[in-house]
């Protein structure tokens, strides 16, 4: 993260019509902290930083789900990816060529 002082933006700058200038700063820093009455009031993220953080959150949610399923499975043996792919008639090349799918 850049120097915190460089990431502070008084809300009064928005009121003075400097939003374009403020948003252009996001090319140089990942986030800006908007101050109202000298207190943090909001955070503005670059689109790249927002995507990075949402992907971390999604991965963490998937990790928790995987851990929960492993715990529920107990000592029962798992099934290897190769066996599942064989049962579904999918080979590694087909899997690589598939597009990513968002699971909600």
N, C-alpha and C. Protein backbone atom coordinates (compact mmCIF):
# COMPACT_ATOMS: atom_id res chain seq x y z
N UNK A 1 0.85 -1.17 0.00
CA UNK A 1 0.00 0.00 0.00
C UNK A 1 0.89 1.24 0.00
N UNK A 2 0.47 2.26 -0.68
CA UNK A 2 1.21 3.52 -0.74
C UNK A 2 1.18 4.18 0.63
N UNK A 3 1.95 5.24 0.79
CA UNK A 3 1.93 6.01 2.02
C UNK A 3 0.49 6.41 2.31
N UNK A 4 0.04 6.16 3.55
CA UNK A 4 -1.36 6.42 3.91
C UNK A 4 -1.73 7.87 3.67
N UNK A 5 -0.83 8.77 3.95
CA UNK A 5 -1.13 10.19 3.75
C UNK A 5 -1.42 10.51 2.29
N UNK A 6 -0.79 9.78 1.37
CA UNK A 6 -1.02 10.00 -0.06
C UNK A 6 -2.37 9.44 -0.51
N UNK A 7 -2.99 8.62 0.33
CA UNK A 7 -4.26 7.97 -0.03
C UNK A 7 -5.47 8.67 0.58
N UNK A 8 -5.27 9.76 1.30
CA UNK A 8 -6.37 10.47 1.94
C UNK A 8 -6.95 11.52 1.00
N UNK A 9 -8.27 11.58 0.95
CA UNK A 9 -8.97 12.54 0.09
C UNK A 9 -10.07 13.21 0.91
N UNK A 10 -9.96 14.51 1.16
CA UNK A 10 -11.06 15.19 1.86
C UNK A 10 -12.32 15.21 0.99
N UNK A 11 -13.46 14.97 1.60
CA UNK A 11 -14.72 14.95 0.85
C UNK A 11 -14.99 16.31 0.21
N UNK A 12 -14.42 17.36 0.77
CA UNK A 12 -14.63 18.70 0.22
C UNK A 12 -14.12 18.81 -1.22
N UNK A 13 -13.13 17.98 -1.60
CA UNK A 13 -12.63 18.02 -2.98
C UNK A 13 -13.72 17.59 -3.97
N UNK A 14 -14.57 16.66 -3.55
CA UNK A 14 -15.68 16.27 -4.41
C UNK A 14 -16.64 17.43 -4.60
N UNK A 15 -16.87 18.17 -3.51
CA UNK A 15 -17.78 19.31 -3.58
C UNK A 15 -17.22 20.44 -4.44
N UNK A 16 -15.90 20.43 -4.63
CA UNK A 16 -15.26 21.47 -5.45
C UNK A 16 -15.08 21.03 -6.90
N UNK A 17 -15.75 19.93 -7.28
CA UNK A 17 -15.72 19.48 -8.67
C UNK A 17 -14.43 18.81 -9.09
N UNK A 18 -13.71 18.19 -8.17
CA UNK A 18 -12.43 17.56 -8.49
C UNK A 18 -12.52 16.04 -8.54
N UNK A 19 -13.71 15.51 -8.76
CA UNK A 19 -13.88 14.06 -8.79
C UNK A 19 -13.02 13.40 -9.87
N UNK A 20 -12.96 14.00 -11.06
CA UNK A 20 -12.16 13.43 -12.14
C UNK A 20 -10.70 13.32 -11.73
N UNK A 21 -10.20 14.35 -11.10
CA UNK A 21 -8.81 14.35 -10.64
C UNK A 21 -8.60 13.28 -9.57
N UNK A 22 -9.57 13.14 -8.68
CA UNK A 22 -9.47 12.13 -7.62
C UNK A 22 -9.46 10.72 -8.22
N UNK A 23 -10.39 10.47 -9.14
CA UNK A 23 -10.47 9.14 -9.73
C UNK A 23 -9.23 8.82 -10.57
N UNK A 24 -8.62 9.81 -11.17
CA UNK A 24 -7.39 9.55 -11.94
C UNK A 24 -6.25 9.10 -11.03
N UNK A 25 -6.30 9.47 -9.76
CA UNK A 25 -5.28 9.03 -8.81
C UNK A 25 -5.31 7.52 -8.61
N UNK A 26 -6.44 6.88 -8.91
CA UNK A 26 -6.55 5.43 -8.74
C UNK A 26 -5.68 4.67 -9.73
N UNK A 27 -5.14 5.36 -10.71
CA UNK A 27 -4.19 4.70 -11.62
C UNK A 27 -2.86 4.46 -10.91
N UNK A 28 -2.58 5.27 -9.89
CA UNK A 28 -1.31 5.20 -9.17
C UNK A 28 -1.42 4.44 -7.85
N UNK A 29 -2.62 4.37 -7.28
CA UNK A 29 -2.81 3.72 -5.99
C UNK A 29 -4.02 2.80 -6.07
N UNK A 30 -4.06 1.79 -5.22
CA UNK A 30 -5.15 0.82 -5.25
C UNK A 30 -6.41 1.33 -4.59
N UNK A 31 -6.24 2.20 -3.57
CA UNK A 31 -7.40 2.69 -2.85
C UNK A 31 -7.17 4.11 -2.35
N UNK A 32 -8.28 4.80 -2.16
CA UNK A 32 -8.25 6.14 -1.58
C UNK A 32 -9.25 6.16 -0.43
N UNK A 33 -8.88 6.82 0.65
CA UNK A 33 -9.73 6.95 1.82
C UNK A 33 -10.34 8.34 1.84
N UNK A 34 -11.66 8.39 1.79
CA UNK A 34 -12.37 9.66 1.79
C UNK A 34 -12.60 10.08 3.24
N UNK A 35 -12.19 11.31 3.55
CA UNK A 35 -12.33 11.84 4.91
C UNK A 35 -13.49 12.83 4.98
N UNK A 36 -14.30 12.67 6.01
CA UNK A 36 -15.36 13.62 6.30
C UNK A 36 -15.18 14.02 7.76
N UNK A 37 -15.02 15.31 7.99
CA UNK A 37 -14.71 15.81 9.33
C UNK A 37 -13.45 15.14 9.89
N UNK A 38 -12.46 14.97 9.03
CA UNK A 38 -11.17 14.38 9.39
C UNK A 38 -11.26 12.94 9.87
N UNK A 39 -12.34 12.25 9.53
CA UNK A 39 -12.52 10.85 9.89
C UNK A 39 -12.76 10.05 8.62
N UNK A 40 -12.20 8.83 8.52
CA UNK A 40 -12.48 8.00 7.34
C UNK A 40 -13.98 7.76 7.20
N UNK A 41 -14.50 8.03 6.02
CA UNK A 41 -15.92 7.89 5.76
C UNK A 41 -16.21 6.85 4.68
N UNK A 42 -15.27 6.70 3.75
CA UNK A 42 -15.47 5.76 2.64
C UNK A 42 -14.11 5.40 2.05
N UNK A 43 -14.12 4.30 1.29
CA UNK A 43 -12.92 3.87 0.58
C UNK A 43 -13.29 3.74 -0.89
N UNK A 44 -12.46 4.30 -1.74
CA UNK A 44 -12.64 4.17 -3.19
C UNK A 44 -11.55 3.22 -3.68
N UNK A 45 -11.97 2.15 -4.36
CA UNK A 45 -11.03 1.16 -4.87
C UNK A 45 -10.91 1.26 -6.38
N UNK A 46 -9.71 0.96 -6.89
CA UNK A 46 -9.56 0.83 -8.34
C UNK A 46 -10.32 -0.43 -8.76
N UNK A 47 -10.76 -0.50 -10.01
CA UNK A 47 -11.47 -1.71 -10.46
C UNK A 47 -10.62 -2.96 -10.28
N UNK A 48 -9.32 -2.86 -10.53
CA UNK A 48 -8.43 -4.01 -10.39
C UNK A 48 -8.38 -4.50 -8.94
N UNK A 49 -8.31 -3.55 -8.01
CA UNK A 49 -8.26 -3.91 -6.59
C UNK A 49 -9.58 -4.52 -6.15
N UNK A 50 -10.68 -3.98 -6.64
CA UNK A 50 -11.99 -4.54 -6.30
C UNK A 50 -12.09 -5.99 -6.78
N UNK A 51 -11.67 -6.26 -8.02
CA UNK A 51 -11.71 -7.62 -8.56
C UNK A 51 -10.82 -8.53 -7.73
N UNK A 52 -9.62 -8.06 -7.39
CA UNK A 52 -8.68 -8.86 -6.61
C UNK A 52 -9.31 -9.23 -5.25
N UNK A 53 -9.91 -8.27 -4.59
CA UNK A 53 -10.50 -8.54 -3.28
C UNK A 53 -11.72 -9.45 -3.36
N UNK A 54 -12.55 -9.28 -4.38
CA UNK A 54 -13.72 -10.15 -4.51
C UNK A 54 -13.30 -11.58 -4.85
N UNK A 55 -12.22 -11.75 -5.62
CA UNK A 55 -11.72 -13.09 -5.90
C UNK A 55 -11.17 -13.75 -4.64
N UNK A 56 -10.50 -12.97 -3.79
CA UNK A 56 -10.02 -13.51 -2.52
C UNK A 56 -11.19 -13.97 -1.68
N UNK A 57 -12.24 -13.14 -1.62
CA UNK A 57 -13.43 -13.51 -0.85
C UNK A 57 -14.08 -14.78 -1.39
N UNK A 58 -14.21 -14.88 -2.71
CA UNK A 58 -14.80 -16.07 -3.33
C UNK A 58 -13.97 -17.31 -3.03
N UNK A 59 -12.65 -17.19 -3.15
CA UNK A 59 -11.77 -18.32 -2.87
C UNK A 59 -11.86 -18.75 -1.42
N UNK A 60 -11.96 -17.79 -0.52
CA UNK A 60 -12.09 -18.11 0.90
C UNK A 60 -13.40 -18.84 1.17
N UNK A 61 -14.47 -18.38 0.55
CA UNK A 61 -15.77 -19.05 0.71
C UNK A 61 -15.70 -20.48 0.20
N UNK A 62 -15.05 -20.67 -0.95
CA UNK A 62 -14.90 -22.03 -1.49
C UNK A 62 -14.04 -22.90 -0.58
N UNK A 63 -12.99 -22.31 0.01
CA UNK A 63 -12.13 -23.04 0.93
C UNK A 63 -12.93 -23.50 2.16
N UNK A 64 -13.75 -22.60 2.71
CA UNK A 64 -14.58 -22.97 3.85
C UNK A 64 -15.55 -24.10 3.49
N UNK A 65 -16.14 -24.02 2.31
CA UNK A 65 -17.07 -25.06 1.86
C UNK A 65 -16.34 -26.40 1.70
N UNK A 66 -15.15 -26.36 1.11
CA UNK A 66 -14.37 -27.59 0.94
C UNK A 66 -14.00 -28.19 2.29
N UNK A 67 -13.58 -27.35 3.23
CA UNK A 67 -13.22 -27.84 4.57
C UNK A 67 -14.43 -28.46 5.25
N UNK A 68 -15.60 -27.83 5.10
CA UNK A 68 -16.82 -28.36 5.69
C UNK A 68 -17.17 -29.72 5.09
N UNK A 69 -17.05 -29.83 3.79
CA UNK A 69 -17.37 -31.11 3.13
C UNK A 69 -16.39 -32.20 3.52
N UNK A 70 -15.11 -31.85 3.66
CA UNK A 70 -14.12 -32.84 4.10
C UNK A 70 -14.43 -33.33 5.50
N UNK A 71 -14.84 -32.41 6.37
CA UNK A 71 -15.19 -32.77 7.74
C UNK A 71 -16.42 -33.68 7.75
N UNK A 72 -17.42 -33.34 6.94
CA UNK A 72 -18.64 -34.16 6.86
C UNK A 72 -18.34 -35.56 6.32
N UNK A 73 -17.33 -35.64 5.46
CA UNK A 73 -16.98 -36.92 4.83
C UNK A 73 -16.33 -37.87 5.83
N UNK A 74 -15.74 -37.32 6.87
CA UNK A 74 -15.12 -38.17 7.89
C UNK A 74 -13.98 -38.99 7.32
N UNK A 75 -13.97 -40.27 7.67
CA UNK A 75 -12.89 -41.16 7.24
C UNK A 75 -13.19 -41.90 5.95
N UNK A 76 -14.34 -41.58 5.34
CA UNK A 76 -14.67 -42.25 4.08
C UNK A 76 -13.65 -41.86 3.01
N UNK A 77 -13.25 -42.80 2.18
CA UNK A 77 -12.26 -42.47 1.15
C UNK A 77 -12.83 -41.51 0.11
N UNK A 78 -11.99 -40.66 -0.40
CA UNK A 78 -12.39 -39.73 -1.44
C UNK A 78 -12.29 -40.38 -2.81
N UNK A 79 -12.76 -39.67 -3.82
CA UNK A 79 -12.69 -40.15 -5.20
C UNK A 79 -11.73 -39.23 -5.95
N UNK A 80 -10.78 -39.79 -6.64
CA UNK A 80 -9.79 -38.98 -7.35
C UNK A 80 -10.42 -38.27 -8.54
N UNK A 81 -9.80 -37.18 -8.93
CA UNK A 81 -10.29 -36.41 -10.07
C UNK A 81 -10.26 -37.26 -11.34
N UNK A 82 -9.25 -38.10 -11.47
CA UNK A 82 -9.13 -38.95 -12.65
C UNK A 82 -10.31 -39.91 -12.77
N UNK A 83 -10.73 -40.48 -11.64
CA UNK A 83 -11.86 -41.41 -11.64
C UNK A 83 -13.14 -40.67 -12.02
N UNK A 84 -13.36 -39.50 -11.45
CA UNK A 84 -14.56 -38.72 -11.76
C UNK A 84 -14.58 -38.34 -13.24
N UNK A 85 -13.44 -37.87 -13.75
CA UNK A 85 -13.36 -37.49 -15.16
C UNK A 85 -13.64 -38.69 -16.06
N UNK A 86 -13.10 -39.84 -15.69
CA UNK A 86 -13.32 -41.06 -16.48
C UNK A 86 -14.80 -41.44 -16.48
N UNK A 87 -15.43 -41.35 -15.29
CA UNK A 87 -16.86 -41.69 -15.20
C UNK A 87 -17.72 -40.72 -16.00
N UNK A 88 -17.30 -39.46 -16.10
CA UNK A 88 -18.06 -38.46 -16.85
C UNK A 88 -17.66 -38.40 -18.33
N UNK A 89 -16.63 -39.14 -18.69
CA UNK A 89 -16.18 -39.15 -20.08
C UNK A 89 -15.49 -37.86 -20.49
N UNK A 90 -14.78 -37.24 -19.56
CA UNK A 90 -14.06 -36.00 -19.82
C UNK A 90 -12.56 -36.29 -19.77
N UNK A 91 -11.83 -35.74 -20.75
CA UNK A 91 -10.38 -35.88 -20.68
C UNK A 91 -9.74 -34.53 -20.33
N UNK A 92 -8.46 -34.56 -20.02
CA UNK A 92 -7.76 -33.36 -19.55
C UNK A 92 -7.79 -32.25 -20.59
N UNK A 93 -7.66 -32.60 -21.87
CA UNK A 93 -7.67 -31.57 -22.92
C UNK A 93 -9.02 -30.86 -22.97
N UNK A 94 -10.10 -31.63 -22.91
CA UNK A 94 -11.45 -31.02 -22.91
C UNK A 94 -11.63 -30.10 -21.71
N UNK A 95 -11.11 -30.51 -20.57
CA UNK A 95 -11.23 -29.72 -19.36
C UNK A 95 -10.49 -28.39 -19.49
N UNK A 96 -9.31 -28.42 -20.08
CA UNK A 96 -8.52 -27.20 -20.29
C UNK A 96 -9.20 -26.25 -21.26
N UNK A 97 -9.92 -26.79 -22.25
CA UNK A 97 -10.56 -25.96 -23.27
C UNK A 97 -11.88 -25.36 -22.81
N UNK A 98 -12.41 -25.83 -21.69
CA UNK A 98 -13.69 -25.31 -21.20
C UNK A 98 -13.52 -23.91 -20.65
N UNK A 99 -14.57 -23.10 -20.80
CA UNK A 99 -14.57 -21.76 -20.25
C UNK A 99 -14.84 -21.80 -18.75
N UNK A 100 -14.36 -20.80 -18.04
CA UNK A 100 -14.64 -20.71 -16.61
C UNK A 100 -16.13 -20.48 -16.38
N UNK A 101 -16.65 -21.07 -15.33
CA UNK A 101 -18.05 -20.92 -14.98
C UNK A 101 -18.13 -20.36 -13.58
N UNK A 102 -18.98 -19.34 -13.40
CA UNK A 102 -19.21 -18.80 -12.07
C UNK A 102 -20.27 -19.63 -11.37
N UNK A 103 -19.93 -20.12 -10.19
CA UNK A 103 -20.88 -20.91 -9.41
C UNK A 103 -21.36 -20.03 -8.27
N UNK A 104 -22.66 -19.90 -8.17
CA UNK A 104 -23.22 -19.06 -7.10
C UNK A 104 -23.99 -19.88 -6.12
